[in-house]
Amino acid sequence: MNTKEILAKRFDKLENHYIALKEYKLLINDLLSETNIYDQFVFNTLKPEKKAILDAYLKRFASIQDFLGAKIFSLLLELAGINNTKMSEVLSNIEKENIIDSLENWIELREVRNELEHDYPEELQEALNDLKYCIDNFYKLESYYLNSLNFYKKYLS
C-alpha cells in the first residue's frame, strides 16, 4: 500500500471518531443548556448516562488527537515530500503547513487531555476545569482534523 492508500484508510477511521465526537458535543451542548456540569455538586448529581456522555466525548477527543499525531501528520508530510525523523520536526512542519495553528496550542491540548486521564476524585474541580477546556476546544481540534483532511486532498490528483 502506498502513502495515499494508507492515509485514505486512516482518514476513514478518523472520520468515524470525528462524527461521534460531533454527536457527543451536541449532547453536551444540550446538557449545558440545562445545567452547569462544571460545578462539583452538579457533576456529582449527574445521572450515570450523562457522565457517560462526557467520558465518551473525552475518549473520542483523545483518540482524534492521538490519531492525528501518531498516524496522520508524518504521512501527510511524507506525501508532500517533507522528510522528518523526530516528532518535534513533524509538529514544527505541521505548524508551518498551517495544519495546526500553533505548536503551543497542540501541546496544551495534549497536556490537558493527559491530565484528565490521571485525575482522581479528590481533584474533581481541576478535572472539571480540564473537561471544560476540552469541550471549549472542540472547534480547535476539529480544525486540526479538517485542515489535515484538506491538506491530504491537495495531493490526491
N, C-alpha and C. Protein backbone atom coordinates (compact mmCIF):
# COMPACT_ATOMS: atom_id res chain seq x y z
N MET A 1 0.84 -1.19 0.00
CA MET A 1 0.00 0.00 0.00
C MET A 1 0.89 1.25 0.00
N ASN A 2 0.52 2.22 -0.82
CA ASN A 2 1.30 3.46 -0.84
C ASN A 2 0.76 4.45 0.20
N THR A 3 1.45 5.56 0.34
CA THR A 3 1.11 6.55 1.36
C THR A 3 -0.31 7.07 1.20
N LYS A 4 -0.73 7.33 -0.03
CA LYS A 4 -2.10 7.83 -0.26
C LYS A 4 -3.14 6.81 0.20
N GLU A 5 -2.90 5.54 -0.10
CA GLU A 5 -3.85 4.49 0.29
C GLU A 5 -3.90 4.31 1.81
N ILE A 6 -2.74 4.37 2.43
CA ILE A 6 -2.69 4.27 3.89
C ILE A 6 -3.45 5.43 4.52
N LEU A 7 -3.20 6.63 4.01
CA LEU A 7 -3.91 7.80 4.54
C LEU A 7 -5.41 7.71 4.30
N ALA A 8 -5.82 7.19 3.16
CA ALA A 8 -7.25 7.05 2.87
C ALA A 8 -7.90 6.17 3.93
N LYS A 9 -7.28 5.05 4.25
CA LYS A 9 -7.82 4.14 5.28
C LYS A 9 -7.84 4.82 6.65
N ARG A 10 -6.78 5.52 6.95
CA ARG A 10 -6.70 6.18 8.26
C ARG A 10 -7.70 7.32 8.38
N PHE A 11 -7.90 8.06 7.30
CA PHE A 11 -8.90 9.14 7.35
C PHE A 11 -10.31 8.57 7.46
N ASP A 12 -10.56 7.41 6.88
CA ASP A 12 -11.87 6.76 7.05
C ASP A 12 -12.12 6.45 8.52
N LYS A 13 -11.11 5.90 9.17
CA LYS A 13 -11.24 5.58 10.59
C LYS A 13 -11.39 6.86 11.42
N LEU A 14 -10.59 7.85 11.10
CA LEU A 14 -10.63 9.12 11.82
C LEU A 14 -11.98 9.80 11.66
N GLU A 15 -12.57 9.68 10.49
CA GLU A 15 -13.89 10.28 10.26
C GLU A 15 -14.93 9.72 11.23
N ASN A 16 -14.86 8.42 11.50
CA ASN A 16 -15.80 7.82 12.44
C ASN A 16 -15.66 8.42 13.84
N HIS A 17 -14.41 8.63 14.26
CA HIS A 17 -14.18 9.27 15.56
C HIS A 17 -14.72 10.70 15.55
N TYR A 18 -14.50 11.40 14.46
CA TYR A 18 -14.94 12.80 14.34
C TYR A 18 -16.46 12.91 14.38
N ILE A 19 -17.14 12.04 13.65
CA ILE A 19 -18.61 12.06 13.64
C ILE A 19 -19.15 11.81 15.05
N ALA A 20 -18.58 10.83 15.73
CA ALA A 20 -19.01 10.54 17.10
C ALA A 20 -18.73 11.72 18.03
N LEU A 21 -17.56 12.32 17.89
CA LEU A 21 -17.21 13.47 18.73
C LEU A 21 -18.21 14.61 18.53
N LYS A 22 -18.57 14.88 17.28
CA LYS A 22 -19.56 15.94 16.99
C LYS A 22 -20.90 15.62 17.65
N GLU A 23 -21.31 14.37 17.58
CA GLU A 23 -22.58 13.98 18.20
C GLU A 23 -22.54 14.16 19.71
N TYR A 24 -21.43 13.75 20.33
CA TYR A 24 -21.30 13.94 21.78
C TYR A 24 -21.26 15.42 22.14
N LYS A 25 -20.64 16.22 21.30
CA LYS A 25 -20.58 17.67 21.55
C LYS A 25 -21.98 18.27 21.55
N LEU A 26 -22.83 17.84 20.62
CA LEU A 26 -24.22 18.32 20.59
C LEU A 26 -24.97 17.91 21.86
N LEU A 27 -24.76 16.68 22.30
CA LEU A 27 -25.41 16.22 23.54
C LEU A 27 -24.92 17.03 24.74
N ILE A 28 -23.64 17.33 24.76
CA ILE A 28 -23.08 18.14 25.85
C ILE A 28 -23.64 19.56 25.80
N ASN A 29 -23.78 20.12 24.61
CA ASN A 29 -24.39 21.45 24.48
C ASN A 29 -25.79 21.46 25.07
N ASP A 30 -26.56 20.40 24.79
CA ASP A 30 -27.91 20.29 25.36
C ASP A 30 -27.85 20.21 26.88
N LEU A 31 -26.92 19.42 27.37
CA LEU A 31 -26.74 19.26 28.81
C LEU A 31 -26.36 20.60 29.46
N LEU A 32 -25.47 21.33 28.81
CA LEU A 32 -25.04 22.64 29.33
C LEU A 32 -26.17 23.66 29.32
N SER A 33 -27.11 23.51 28.41
CA SER A 33 -28.25 24.44 28.38
C SER A 33 -29.19 24.19 29.56
N GLU A 34 -29.07 23.00 30.16
CA GLU A 34 -29.92 22.65 31.30
C GLU A 34 -29.26 22.92 32.65
N THR A 35 -27.93 22.74 32.71
CA THR A 35 -27.25 22.82 34.00
C THR A 35 -25.76 23.11 33.81
N ASN A 36 -25.12 23.52 34.89
CA ASN A 36 -23.68 23.78 34.86
C ASN A 36 -22.94 22.51 35.28
N ILE A 37 -22.56 21.73 34.32
CA ILE A 37 -21.91 20.44 34.60
C ILE A 37 -20.51 20.62 35.20
N TYR A 38 -19.98 21.84 35.16
CA TYR A 38 -18.64 22.09 35.68
C TYR A 38 -18.64 22.41 37.18
N ASP A 39 -19.82 22.51 37.76
CA ASP A 39 -19.95 22.68 39.20
C ASP A 39 -19.83 21.30 39.86
N GLN A 40 -19.01 21.21 40.90
CA GLN A 40 -18.77 19.90 41.53
C GLN A 40 -20.05 19.25 42.03
N PHE A 41 -20.89 20.02 42.70
CA PHE A 41 -22.12 19.45 43.23
C PHE A 41 -23.01 18.93 42.10
N VAL A 42 -23.17 19.75 41.07
CA VAL A 42 -24.00 19.36 39.92
C VAL A 42 -23.41 18.11 39.26
N PHE A 43 -22.11 18.12 39.05
CA PHE A 43 -21.46 16.96 38.41
C PHE A 43 -21.70 15.69 39.22
N ASN A 44 -21.55 15.80 40.53
CA ASN A 44 -21.73 14.61 41.39
C ASN A 44 -23.15 14.09 41.38
N THR A 45 -24.12 14.94 41.02
CA THR A 45 -25.51 14.51 41.00
C THR A 45 -25.99 14.11 39.60
N LEU A 46 -25.11 14.21 38.61
CA LEU A 46 -25.49 13.79 37.25
C LEU A 46 -25.78 12.30 37.22
N LYS A 47 -26.76 11.93 36.43
CA LYS A 47 -27.07 10.52 36.24
C LYS A 47 -25.91 9.86 35.49
N PRO A 48 -25.71 8.57 35.73
CA PRO A 48 -24.60 7.86 35.07
C PRO A 48 -24.58 8.00 33.55
N GLU A 49 -25.75 8.03 32.92
CA GLU A 49 -25.77 8.14 31.46
C GLU A 49 -25.29 9.51 30.98
N LYS A 50 -25.48 10.55 31.80
CA LYS A 50 -24.97 11.89 31.46
C LYS A 50 -23.44 11.91 31.60
N LYS A 51 -22.94 11.30 32.68
CA LYS A 51 -21.49 11.21 32.86
C LYS A 51 -20.86 10.38 31.75
N ALA A 52 -21.58 9.38 31.29
CA ALA A 52 -21.07 8.52 30.21
C ALA A 52 -20.87 9.32 28.92
N ILE A 53 -21.74 10.29 28.68
CA ILE A 53 -21.59 11.16 27.50
C ILE A 53 -20.28 11.94 27.60
N LEU A 54 -20.00 12.46 28.79
CA LEU A 54 -18.76 13.23 29.00
C LEU A 54 -17.54 12.33 28.82
N ASP A 55 -17.60 11.13 29.38
CA ASP A 55 -16.49 10.18 29.22
C ASP A 55 -16.29 9.82 27.75
N ALA A 56 -17.38 9.59 27.05
CA ALA A 56 -17.29 9.22 25.63
C ALA A 56 -16.70 10.37 24.81
N TYR A 57 -17.11 11.59 25.14
CA TYR A 57 -16.55 12.77 24.45
C TYR A 57 -15.04 12.81 24.65
N LEU A 58 -14.61 12.68 25.89
CA LEU A 58 -13.17 12.75 26.18
C LEU A 58 -12.41 11.63 25.50
N LYS A 59 -13.00 10.45 25.44
CA LYS A 59 -12.34 9.33 24.77
C LYS A 59 -12.15 9.63 23.29
N ARG A 60 -13.18 10.14 22.63
CA ARG A 60 -13.08 10.48 21.20
C ARG A 60 -12.12 11.65 20.98
N PHE A 61 -12.18 12.63 21.86
CA PHE A 61 -11.28 13.78 21.77
C PHE A 61 -9.83 13.30 21.81
N ALA A 62 -9.53 12.45 22.78
CA ALA A 62 -8.18 11.90 22.92
C ALA A 62 -7.81 11.04 21.72
N SER A 63 -8.75 10.24 21.25
CA SER A 63 -8.48 9.37 20.09
C SER A 63 -8.13 10.18 18.85
N ILE A 64 -8.87 11.24 18.61
CA ILE A 64 -8.60 12.08 17.44
C ILE A 64 -7.23 12.73 17.55
N GLN A 65 -6.93 13.28 18.71
CA GLN A 65 -5.63 13.94 18.85
C GLN A 65 -4.50 12.92 18.74
N ASP A 66 -4.64 11.78 19.38
CA ASP A 66 -3.61 10.73 19.29
C ASP A 66 -3.44 10.26 17.85
N PHE A 67 -4.55 10.03 17.19
CA PHE A 67 -4.52 9.52 15.82
C PHE A 67 -3.86 10.51 14.87
N LEU A 68 -4.22 11.78 15.01
CA LEU A 68 -3.58 12.81 14.17
C LEU A 68 -2.07 12.82 14.40
N GLY A 69 -1.68 12.86 15.66
CA GLY A 69 -0.27 12.95 15.99
C GLY A 69 0.53 11.71 15.63
N ALA A 70 -0.03 10.54 15.87
CA ALA A 70 0.72 9.29 15.68
C ALA A 70 0.56 8.67 14.30
N LYS A 71 -0.57 8.89 13.64
CA LYS A 71 -0.87 8.15 12.41
C LYS A 71 -1.06 8.99 11.16
N ILE A 72 -1.26 10.29 11.33
CA ILE A 72 -1.62 11.13 10.18
C ILE A 72 -0.52 12.14 9.82
N PHE A 73 -0.09 12.92 10.79
CA PHE A 73 0.80 14.05 10.49
C PHE A 73 2.04 13.66 9.71
N SER A 74 2.77 12.65 10.16
CA SER A 74 4.02 12.30 9.47
C SER A 74 3.77 11.82 8.05
N LEU A 75 2.67 11.11 7.83
CA LEU A 75 2.34 10.65 6.47
C LEU A 75 1.93 11.81 5.57
N LEU A 76 1.25 12.80 6.12
CA LEU A 76 0.90 13.98 5.33
C LEU A 76 2.16 14.67 4.83
N LEU A 77 3.12 14.80 5.71
CA LEU A 77 4.38 15.45 5.32
C LEU A 77 5.14 14.60 4.32
N GLU A 78 5.12 13.29 4.52
CA GLU A 78 5.77 12.39 3.55
C GLU A 78 5.13 12.55 2.18
N LEU A 79 3.81 12.63 2.15
CA LEU A 79 3.08 12.82 0.90
C LEU A 79 3.50 14.12 0.21
N ALA A 80 3.80 15.13 1.01
CA ALA A 80 4.21 16.43 0.47
C ALA A 80 5.71 16.50 0.17
N GLY A 81 6.41 15.40 0.44
CA GLY A 81 7.86 15.37 0.18
C GLY A 81 8.69 16.04 1.25
N ILE A 82 8.12 16.18 2.44
CA ILE A 82 8.84 16.80 3.57
C ILE A 82 9.29 15.68 4.50
N ASN A 83 10.59 15.49 4.60
CA ASN A 83 11.12 14.41 5.43
C ASN A 83 11.32 14.86 6.87
N ASN A 84 10.97 13.97 7.79
CA ASN A 84 11.10 14.24 9.22
C ASN A 84 11.57 12.97 9.90
N THR A 85 12.38 13.13 10.92
CA THR A 85 12.82 11.96 11.67
C THR A 85 12.30 11.98 13.09
N LYS A 86 12.11 13.16 13.66
CA LYS A 86 11.65 13.27 15.05
C LYS A 86 10.25 13.88 15.09
N MET A 87 9.52 13.53 16.15
CA MET A 87 8.17 14.07 16.31
C MET A 87 8.21 15.60 16.41
N SER A 88 9.24 16.15 17.02
CA SER A 88 9.33 17.61 17.13
C SER A 88 9.42 18.25 15.74
N GLU A 89 10.12 17.59 14.81
CA GLU A 89 10.20 18.09 13.43
C GLU A 89 8.85 17.98 12.74
N VAL A 90 8.18 16.86 12.97
CA VAL A 90 6.85 16.66 12.38
C VAL A 90 5.92 17.78 12.82
N LEU A 91 5.85 18.02 14.12
CA LEU A 91 4.94 19.06 14.63
C LEU A 91 5.33 20.45 14.15
N SER A 92 6.62 20.71 14.08
CA SER A 92 7.08 22.01 13.58
C SER A 92 6.65 22.21 12.12
N ASN A 93 6.80 21.17 11.31
CA ASN A 93 6.40 21.27 9.90
C ASN A 93 4.89 21.30 9.73
N ILE A 94 4.18 20.59 10.58
CA ILE A 94 2.71 20.62 10.54
C ILE A 94 2.22 22.04 10.84
N GLU A 95 2.90 22.71 11.76
CA GLU A 95 2.56 24.11 12.07
C GLU A 95 2.89 25.00 10.86
N LYS A 96 4.05 24.79 10.24
CA LYS A 96 4.44 25.60 9.07
C LYS A 96 3.45 25.43 7.92
N GLU A 97 2.87 24.24 7.81
CA GLU A 97 1.89 23.97 6.75
C GLU A 97 0.48 24.43 7.13
N ASN A 98 0.35 25.07 8.28
CA ASN A 98 -0.93 25.59 8.79
C ASN A 98 -1.98 24.52 9.03
N ILE A 99 -1.53 23.32 9.36
CA ILE A 99 -2.47 22.26 9.73
C ILE A 99 -2.89 22.45 11.18
N ILE A 100 -1.94 22.86 12.02
CA ILE A 100 -2.27 23.28 13.38
C ILE A 100 -1.95 24.77 13.47
N ASP A 101 -2.67 25.47 14.34
CA ASP A 101 -2.47 26.91 14.45
C ASP A 101 -1.19 27.26 15.17
N SER A 102 -0.81 26.45 16.16
CA SER A 102 0.47 26.68 16.83
C SER A 102 0.88 25.42 17.58
N LEU A 103 2.16 25.23 17.66
CA LEU A 103 2.71 24.10 18.41
C LEU A 103 2.32 24.19 19.87
N GLU A 104 2.31 25.40 20.41
CA GLU A 104 1.94 25.60 21.81
C GLU A 104 0.51 25.15 22.08
N ASN A 105 -0.42 25.48 21.19
CA ASN A 105 -1.81 25.06 21.37
C ASN A 105 -1.94 23.54 21.28
N TRP A 106 -1.22 22.93 20.35
CA TRP A 106 -1.26 21.47 20.21
C TRP A 106 -0.78 20.81 21.50
N ILE A 107 0.34 21.30 22.02
CA ILE A 107 0.92 20.72 23.24
C ILE A 107 0.00 20.95 24.43
N GLU A 108 -0.59 22.14 24.53
CA GLU A 108 -1.51 22.42 25.64
C GLU A 108 -2.73 21.50 25.59
N LEU A 109 -3.29 21.30 24.41
CA LEU A 109 -4.42 20.37 24.28
C LEU A 109 -4.01 18.99 24.78
N ARG A 110 -2.84 18.56 24.38
CA ARG A 110 -2.35 17.24 24.76
C ARG A 110 -2.12 17.14 26.27
N GLU A 111 -1.53 18.18 26.85
CA GLU A 111 -1.25 18.16 28.28
C GLU A 111 -2.54 18.12 29.11
N VAL A 112 -3.51 18.94 28.74
CA VAL A 112 -4.78 18.97 29.47
C VAL A 112 -5.49 17.63 29.34
N ARG A 113 -5.48 17.09 28.14
CA ARG A 113 -6.11 15.80 27.91
C ARG A 113 -5.41 14.71 28.73
N ASN A 114 -4.09 14.75 28.80
CA ASN A 114 -3.34 13.78 29.60
C ASN A 114 -3.64 13.92 31.09
N GLU A 115 -3.79 15.16 31.56
CA GLU A 115 -4.13 15.39 32.97
C GLU A 115 -5.44 14.71 33.32
N LEU A 116 -6.40 14.78 32.42
CA LEU A 116 -7.70 14.17 32.68
C LEU A 116 -7.60 12.66 32.86
N GLU A 117 -6.67 12.05 32.18
CA GLU A 117 -6.52 10.60 32.30
C GLU A 117 -5.92 10.21 33.65
N HIS A 118 -5.32 11.17 34.36
CA HIS A 118 -4.63 10.85 35.61
C HIS A 118 -5.25 11.53 36.83
N ASP A 119 -6.35 12.25 36.66
CA ASP A 119 -7.00 12.90 37.79
C ASP A 119 -7.76 11.89 38.63
N TYR A 120 -7.85 12.19 39.91
CA TYR A 120 -8.56 11.34 40.85
C TYR A 120 -9.67 12.15 41.49
N PRO A 121 -10.66 11.49 42.11
CA PRO A 121 -11.82 12.20 42.66
C PRO A 121 -11.49 13.36 43.58
N GLU A 122 -10.41 13.29 44.37
CA GLU A 122 -10.09 14.40 45.27
C GLU A 122 -9.65 15.65 44.51
N GLU A 123 -9.40 15.51 43.22
CA GLU A 123 -9.02 16.64 42.38
C GLU A 123 -10.15 16.95 41.39
N LEU A 124 -11.38 16.79 41.84
CA LEU A 124 -12.53 16.90 40.95
C LEU A 124 -12.63 18.26 40.26
N GLN A 125 -12.44 19.35 41.00
CA GLN A 125 -12.60 20.66 40.36
C GLN A 125 -11.56 20.87 39.26
N GLU A 126 -10.35 20.41 39.50
CA GLU A 126 -9.31 20.51 38.46
C GLU A 126 -9.70 19.67 37.24
N ALA A 127 -10.24 18.48 37.50
CA ALA A 127 -10.69 17.62 36.40
C ALA A 127 -11.84 18.27 35.64
N LEU A 128 -12.74 18.93 36.34
CA LEU A 128 -13.86 19.61 35.68
C LEU A 128 -13.37 20.80 34.86
N ASN A 129 -12.36 21.49 35.36
CA ASN A 129 -11.77 22.60 34.59
C ASN A 129 -11.14 22.06 33.30
N ASP A 130 -10.46 20.92 33.41
CA ASP A 130 -9.84 20.31 32.23
C ASP A 130 -10.90 19.80 31.25
N LEU A 131 -11.98 19.25 31.79
CA LEU A 131 -13.10 18.82 30.95
C LEU A 131 -13.65 20.01 30.18
N LYS A 132 -13.86 21.11 30.88
CA LYS A 132 -14.37 22.33 30.23
C LYS A 132 -13.42 22.78 29.12
N TYR A 133 -12.12 22.72 29.39
CA TYR A 133 -11.13 23.11 28.40
C TYR A 133 -11.27 22.26 27.14
N CYS A 134 -11.41 20.95 27.32
CA CYS A 134 -11.54 20.06 26.16
C CYS A 134 -12.84 20.31 25.39
N ILE A 135 -13.90 20.57 26.11
CA ILE A 135 -15.18 20.86 25.45
C ILE A 135 -15.11 22.21 24.74
N ASP A 136 -14.52 23.20 25.40
CA ASP A 136 -14.39 24.53 24.79
C ASP A 136 -13.47 24.51 23.57
N ASN A 137 -12.57 23.54 23.49
CA ASN A 137 -11.62 23.47 22.39
C ASN A 137 -12.01 22.46 21.31
N PHE A 138 -13.28 22.10 21.28
CA PHE A 138 -13.79 21.22 20.23
C PHE A 138 -13.44 21.77 18.85
N TYR A 139 -13.70 23.06 18.64
CA TYR A 139 -13.52 23.64 17.31
C TYR A 139 -12.05 23.70 16.91
N LYS A 140 -11.17 23.83 17.88
CA LYS A 140 -9.74 23.82 17.59
C LYS A 140 -9.33 22.43 17.09
N LEU A 141 -9.73 21.39 17.82
CA LEU A 141 -9.40 20.03 17.39
C LEU A 141 -10.07 19.71 16.05
N GLU A 142 -11.30 20.17 15.89
CA GLU A 142 -12.00 19.99 14.62
C GLU A 142 -11.21 20.64 13.48
N SER A 143 -10.68 21.82 13.71
CA SER A 143 -9.92 22.50 12.65
C SER A 143 -8.65 21.72 12.31
N TYR A 144 -8.02 21.10 13.30
CA TYR A 144 -6.82 20.29 13.03
C TYR A 144 -7.18 19.10 12.15
N TYR A 145 -8.31 18.48 12.45
CA TYR A 145 -8.77 17.35 11.63
C TYR A 145 -9.10 17.81 10.21
N LEU A 146 -9.89 18.87 10.08
CA LEU A 146 -10.31 19.34 8.76
C LEU A 146 -9.13 19.89 7.96
N ASN A 147 -8.20 20.57 8.62
CA ASN A 147 -7.00 21.05 7.93
C ASN A 147 -6.17 19.89 7.42
N SER A 148 -6.06 18.83 8.21
CA SER A 148 -5.33 17.64 7.78
C SER A 148 -5.99 17.01 6.57
N LEU A 149 -7.29 16.90 6.62
CA LEU A 149 -8.05 16.30 5.52
C LEU A 149 -7.89 17.14 4.24
N ASN A 150 -7.99 18.44 4.36
CA ASN A 150 -7.83 19.32 3.19
C ASN A 150 -6.42 19.26 2.63
N PHE A 151 -5.42 19.18 3.50
CA PHE A 151 -4.03 19.06 3.06
C PHE A 151 -3.87 17.76 2.27
N TYR A 152 -4.42 16.68 2.78
CA TYR A 152 -4.37 15.38 2.11
C TYR A 152 -5.03 15.45 0.73
N LYS A 153 -6.18 16.10 0.66
CA LYS A 153 -6.94 16.17 -0.60
C LYS A 153 -6.18 16.92 -1.69
N LYS A 154 -5.29 17.84 -1.31
CA LYS A 154 -4.48 18.56 -2.30
C LYS A 154 -3.57 17.62 -3.08
N TYR A 155 -3.24 16.48 -2.49
CA TYR A 155 -2.29 15.56 -3.12
C TYR A 155 -2.95 14.33 -3.73
N LEU A 156 -4.26 14.32 -3.82
CA LEU A 156 -4.97 13.16 -4.35
C LEU A 156 -4.87 13.02 -5.86
N SER A 157 -4.74 14.12 -6.57
CA SER A 157 -4.74 14.03 -8.04
C SER A 157 -3.40 13.61 -8.59
